[in-house]
Amino acid sequence: MYAAGHGIKSWRAPRAGGHPARQALVVAGAVVAISLGLAVAAHGGTTPAYTTVVVEPGDTLWGIAAEHYPADDVRARVQDIEQANGLRGPSIEVGQSLRLPG
């Protein structure tokens, strides 16, 4: 075997698999990527589908929710619309655009 002094690297091949910290990072990255992929698949895509409506005179959140989601619990859908639009309550104005979650 040849002597290796300061600044001279051995000709020996590195250990199979590399550094343990590098292995841990690769495994952690794979776990994160798989988790994100499963989360996206569980939600049916990357962005939720929205429908946009413009508030007409006489419209209320309750009426809009009842019209667009006839088979659902209207109270829950009113809360969904409030949350999707950043509303703090059921007050809406004529001409306002509202995003309705799919």
C-alpha atoms as a PDB file:
ATOM      1  CA  MET A   1       0.000   0.000   0.000  1.00  0.00           C
ATOM      2  CA  TYR A   2       1.220   3.510  -0.737  1.00  0.00           C
ATOM      3  CA  ALA A   3       1.672   6.119   1.957  1.00  0.00           C
ATOM      4  CA  ALA A   4      -0.707   9.069   1.889  1.00  0.00           C
ATOM      5  CA  GLY A   5       0.637  12.270   3.359  1.00  0.00           C
ATOM      6  CA  HIS A   6      -0.984  15.650   3.985  1.00  0.00           C
ATOM      7  CA  GLY A   7      -3.062  16.731   0.980  1.00  0.00           C
ATOM      8  CA  ILE A   8      -2.759  13.369  -0.733  1.00  0.00           C
ATOM      9  CA  LYS A   9      -5.915  11.320  -0.929  1.00  0.00           C
ATOM     10  CA  SER A  10      -6.021   7.598  -0.775  1.00  0.00           C
ATOM     11  CA  TRP A  11      -6.895   5.690  -3.941  1.00  0.00           C
ATOM     12  CA  ARG A  12      -9.413   3.667  -2.024  1.00  0.00           C
ATOM     13  CA  ALA A  13     -13.012   3.936  -3.280  1.00  0.00           C
ATOM     14  CA  PRO A  14     -15.473   5.654  -0.936  1.00  0.00           C
ATOM     15  CA  ARG A  15     -17.806   3.499   1.101  1.00  0.00           C
ATOM     16  CA  ALA A  16     -20.874   2.286  -0.732  1.00  0.00           C
ATOM     17  CA  GLY A  17     -23.802   4.605  -0.072  1.00  0.00           C
ATOM     18  CA  GLY A  18     -21.748   7.639   0.885  1.00  0.00           C
ATOM     19  CA  HIS A  19     -21.880   9.652   4.087  1.00  0.00           C
ATOM     20  CA  PRO A  20     -24.591   8.667   6.645  1.00  0.00           C
ATOM     21  CA  ALA A  21     -25.857  12.251   6.891  1.00  0.00           C
ATOM     22  CA  ARG A  22     -26.294  12.356   3.114  1.00  0.00           C
ATOM     23  CA  GLN A  23     -28.241   9.097   3.254  1.00  0.00           C
ATOM     24  CA  ALA A  24     -30.524  10.535   5.947  1.00  0.00           C
ATOM     25  CA  LEU A  25     -31.193  13.639   3.847  1.00  0.00           C
ATOM     26  CA  VAL A  26     -32.055  11.543   0.803  1.00  0.00           C
ATOM     27  CA  VAL A  27     -34.461   9.401   2.822  1.00  0.00           C
ATOM     28  CA  ALA A  28     -36.062  12.460   4.446  1.00  0.00           C
ATOM     29  CA  GLY A  29     -36.477  14.133   1.047  1.00  0.00           C
ATOM     30  CA  ALA A  30     -38.103  11.027  -0.378  1.00  0.00           C
ATOM     31  CA  VAL A  31     -40.528  10.826   2.556  1.00  0.00           C
ATOM     32  CA  VAL A  32     -41.503  14.500   2.126  1.00  0.00           C
ATOM     33  CA  ALA A  33     -41.992  14.113  -1.632  1.00  0.00           C
ATOM     34  CA  ILE A  34     -44.155  11.028  -1.220  1.00  0.00           C
ATOM     35  CA  SER A  35     -46.206  12.684   1.533  1.00  0.00           C
ATOM     36  CA  LEU A  36     -46.857  15.773  -0.594  1.00  0.00           C
ATOM     37  CA  GLY A  37     -47.824  13.625  -3.552  1.00  0.00           C
ATOM     38  CA  LEU A  38     -50.317  11.674  -1.469  1.00  0.00           C
ATOM     39  CA  ALA A  39     -51.777  14.873   0.018  1.00  0.00           C
ATOM     40  CA  VAL A  40     -52.294  16.379  -3.439  1.00  0.00           C
ATOM     41  CA  ALA A  41     -53.895  13.167  -4.684  1.00  0.00           C
ATOM     42  CA  ALA A  42     -56.206  13.024  -1.660  1.00  0.00           C
ATOM     43  CA  HIS A  43     -57.443  16.538  -2.373  1.00  0.00           C
ATOM     44  CA  GLY A  44     -58.045  15.783  -6.028  1.00  0.00           C
ATOM     45  CA  GLY A  45     -55.460  18.161  -7.464  1.00  0.00           C
ATOM     46  CA  THR A  46     -53.243  21.087  -6.601  1.00  0.00           C
ATOM     47  CA  THR A  47     -55.840  23.840  -6.360  1.00  0.00           C
ATOM     48  CA  PRO A  48     -59.460  23.665  -5.301  1.00  0.00           C
ATOM     49  CA  ALA A  49     -62.035  24.433  -7.994  1.00  0.00           C
ATOM     50  CA  TYR A  50     -63.951  27.664  -7.503  1.00  0.00           C
ATOM     51  CA  THR A  51     -66.941  29.209  -9.213  1.00  0.00           C
ATOM     52  CA  THR A  52     -67.228  32.995  -9.191  1.00  0.00           C
ATOM     53  CA  VAL A  53     -70.562  34.775  -8.788  1.00  0.00           C
ATOM     54  CA  VAL A  54     -71.377  38.473  -8.651  1.00  0.00           C
ATOM     55  CA  VAL A  55     -73.752  39.576  -5.896  1.00  0.00           C
ATOM     56  CA  GLU A  56     -77.044  40.895  -7.315  1.00  0.00           C
ATOM     57  CA  PRO A  57     -79.582  43.124  -5.496  1.00  0.00           C
ATOM     58  CA  GLY A  58     -81.460  41.055  -2.909  1.00  0.00           C
ATOM     59  CA  ASP A  59     -78.809  38.296  -2.725  1.00  0.00           C
ATOM     60  CA  THR A  60     -77.716  36.897   0.626  1.00  0.00           C
ATOM     61  CA  LEU A  61     -75.026  34.367   1.444  1.00  0.00           C
ATOM     62  CA  TRP A  62     -77.763  32.000   2.596  1.00  0.00           C
ATOM     63  CA  GLY A  63     -79.628  32.339  -0.715  1.00  0.00           C
ATOM     64  CA  ILE A  64     -76.465  31.944  -2.797  1.00  0.00           C
ATOM     65  CA  ALA A  65     -75.450  28.849  -0.821  1.00  0.00           C
ATOM     66  CA  ALA A  66     -78.948  27.337  -1.095  1.00  0.00           C
ATOM     67  CA  GLU A  67     -79.041  27.976  -4.853  1.00  0.00           C
ATOM     68  CA  HIS A  68     -75.571  26.612  -5.655  1.00  0.00           C
ATOM     69  CA  TYR A  69     -75.511  23.721  -3.169  1.00  0.00           C
ATOM     70  CA  PRO A  70     -79.122  22.419  -2.962  1.00  0.00           C
ATOM     71  CA  ALA A  71     -78.145  18.992  -1.587  1.00  0.00           C
ATOM     72  CA  ASP A  72     -75.768  20.287   1.117  1.00  0.00           C
ATOM     73  CA  ASP A  73     -76.156  21.773   4.596  1.00  0.00           C
ATOM     74  CA  VAL A  74     -76.611  25.478   3.832  1.00  0.00           C
ATOM     75  CA  ARG A  75     -75.070  26.574   7.155  1.00  0.00           C
ATOM     76  CA  ALA A  76     -71.853  24.723   6.388  1.00  0.00           C
ATOM     77  CA  ARG A  77     -71.742  26.109   2.838  1.00  0.00           C
ATOM     78  CA  VAL A  78     -72.258  29.696   4.092  1.00  0.00           C
ATOM     79  CA  GLN A  79     -69.225  29.179   6.349  1.00  0.00           C
ATOM     80  CA  ASP A  80     -67.257  27.743   3.394  1.00  0.00           C
ATOM     81  CA  ILE A  81     -68.088  30.809   1.272  1.00  0.00           C
ATOM     82  CA  GLU A  82     -67.156  33.165   4.116  1.00  0.00           C
ATOM     83  CA  GLN A  83     -63.828  31.381   4.577  1.00  0.00           C
ATOM     84  CA  ALA A  84     -63.046  31.241   0.837  1.00  0.00           C
ATOM     85  CA  ASN A  85     -63.597  34.995   0.535  1.00  0.00           C
ATOM     86  CA  GLY A  86     -62.079  36.125   3.839  1.00  0.00           C
ATOM     87  CA  LEU A  87     -65.415  37.421   5.120  1.00  0.00           C
ATOM     88  CA  ARG A  88     -65.911  38.007   8.833  1.00  0.00           C
ATOM     89  CA  GLY A  89     -69.643  37.576   8.636  1.00  0.00           C
ATOM     90  CA  PRO A  90     -72.560  37.167   6.240  1.00  0.00           C
ATOM     91  CA  SER A  91     -72.550  40.800   5.006  1.00  0.00           C
ATOM     92  CA  ILE A  92     -72.089  41.142   1.243  1.00  0.00           C
ATOM     93  CA  GLU A  93     -72.535  44.048  -1.167  1.00  0.00           C
ATOM     94  CA  VAL A  94     -74.126  44.335  -4.609  1.00  0.00           C
ATOM     95  CA  GLY A  95     -71.487  43.966  -7.319  1.00  0.00           C
ATOM     96  CA  GLN A  96     -69.113  42.034  -5.044  1.00  0.00           C
ATOM     97  CA  SER A  97     -67.466  38.953  -6.600  1.00  0.00           C
ATOM     98  CA  LEU A  98     -67.612  35.833  -4.452  1.00  0.00           C
ATOM     99  CA  ARG A  99     -65.644  32.644  -4.901  1.00  0.00           C
ATOM    100  CA  LEU A 100     -67.743  29.552  -4.289  1.00  0.00           C
ATOM    101  CA  PRO A 101     -65.749  26.446  -3.359  1.00  0.00           C
ATOM    102  CA  GLY A 102     -66.363  23.366  -5.511  1.00  0.00           C
END
